[in-house]
Amino acid sequence: MTTQNVTLALPKEILRKAKLVAIQRKTSLSGLLTRALEDVVTREENYQKARKRHSAILRKGLNLGTNGKATWSREDLHARRYEPAIYR
């Protein structure tokens, strides 16, 4: 993989803390940032793939066993048929 240099403007305190993290992880600041950016890019790519898969499922629809026709009415769905156990 070829690399390219970039210039970043970071708050001094963040830069200081990032250098300490890099030292603790026995890597360079460049290595730390590379891994962090790789993680961000990988998560985004995985999210986009999942989004495409789910969009395809939604476009296709799911087989609910109704052959695309509702076998109930709105009234059936909203009927209040509460019957307490003492009356059964």
Protein backbone atom coordinates (compact mmCIF):
# COMPACT_ATOMS: atom_id res chain seq x y z
CA MET A 1 0.00 0.00 0.00
CA THR A 2 1.44 3.35 -0.95
CA THR A 3 1.24 6.15 1.55
CA GLN A 4 0.75 9.86 1.29
CA ASN A 5 1.70 12.54 3.76
CA VAL A 6 -1.03 14.79 5.11
CA THR A 7 -1.00 17.85 7.29
CA LEU A 8 -3.36 17.97 10.24
CA ALA A 9 -4.24 20.84 12.51
CA LEU A 10 -5.03 19.40 15.94
CA PRO A 11 -5.60 21.04 19.29
CA LYS A 12 -2.34 20.84 21.27
CA GLU A 13 -3.92 18.99 24.20
CA ILE A 14 -5.42 16.32 21.93
CA LEU A 15 -2.09 15.91 20.16
CA ARG A 16 -0.26 15.54 23.48
CA LYS A 17 -2.73 12.89 24.70
CA ALA A 18 -2.65 11.07 21.36
CA LYS A 19 1.15 10.87 21.53
CA LEU A 20 0.89 9.34 25.01
CA VAL A 21 -1.63 6.76 23.75
CA ALA A 22 0.68 5.91 20.85
CA ILE A 23 3.59 5.41 23.25
CA GLN A 24 1.47 3.17 25.50
CA ARG A 25 0.47 1.08 22.48
CA LYS A 26 4.07 0.90 21.28
CA THR A 27 3.31 2.52 17.95
CA SER A 28 3.83 5.86 16.27
CA LEU A 29 1.31 8.65 16.11
CA SER A 30 1.04 7.94 12.40
CA GLY A 31 0.32 4.26 13.11
CA LEU A 32 -2.26 5.16 15.74
CA LEU A 33 -4.06 7.53 13.38
CA THR A 34 -3.87 5.03 10.51
CA ARG A 35 -5.53 2.32 12.62
CA ALA A 36 -8.20 4.74 13.86
CA LEU A 37 -9.00 5.86 10.31
CA GLU A 38 -9.02 2.26 9.06
CA ASP A 39 -11.58 1.43 11.77
CA VAL A 40 -13.78 4.37 10.77
CA VAL A 41 -13.61 3.46 7.08
CA THR A 42 -14.29 -0.24 7.74
CA ARG A 43 -17.31 0.54 9.92
CA GLU A 44 -18.70 2.89 7.30
CA GLU A 45 -18.20 0.36 4.50
CA ASN A 46 -19.88 -2.37 6.57
CA TYR A 47 -22.76 -0.04 7.39
CA GLN A 48 -23.28 0.84 3.72
CA LYS A 49 -23.24 -2.86 2.72
CA ALA A 50 -25.80 -3.70 5.42
CA ARG A 51 -27.93 -0.73 4.37
CA LYS A 52 -27.96 -1.93 0.75
CA ARG A 53 -28.87 -5.50 1.82
CA HIS A 54 -31.72 -4.29 4.00
CA SER A 55 -32.99 -1.85 1.38
CA ALA A 56 -33.14 -4.75 -1.11
CA ILE A 57 -35.13 -6.81 1.40
CA LEU A 58 -37.56 -3.93 1.92
CA ARG A 59 -37.98 -3.43 -1.84
CA LYS A 60 -38.60 -7.14 -2.38
CA GLY A 61 -40.85 -7.47 0.66
CA LEU A 62 -41.26 -10.35 3.03
CA ASN A 63 -43.46 -13.39 2.60
CA LEU A 64 -46.02 -13.08 5.40
CA GLY A 65 -48.14 -15.90 4.05
CA THR A 66 -50.93 -13.59 2.90
CA ASN A 67 -50.09 -13.54 -0.83
CA GLY A 68 -50.20 -9.75 -0.63
CA LYS A 69 -53.79 -9.56 0.59
CA ALA A 70 -54.97 -8.66 4.06
CA THR A 71 -57.36 -11.22 5.50
CA TRP A 72 -58.50 -8.89 8.25
CA SER A 73 -60.27 -5.59 8.46
CA ARG A 74 -59.29 -2.47 10.29
CA GLU A 75 -62.15 -3.10 12.69
CA ASP A 76 -60.80 -6.58 13.44
CA LEU A 77 -57.44 -5.14 14.32
CA HIS A 78 -58.86 -2.42 16.54
CA ALA A 79 -61.67 -4.36 18.19
CA ARG A 80 -61.55 -4.27 21.95
CA ARG A 81 -62.44 -7.77 22.95
CA TYR A 82 -61.16 -7.79 26.47
CA GLU A 83 -62.78 -10.44 28.53
CA PRO A 84 -61.48 -10.74 32.11
CA ALA A 85 -60.59 -14.26 33.23
CA ILE A 86 -63.40 -14.29 35.82
CA TYR A 87 -66.01 -14.15 33.02
CA ARG A 88 -64.56 -17.00 30.98
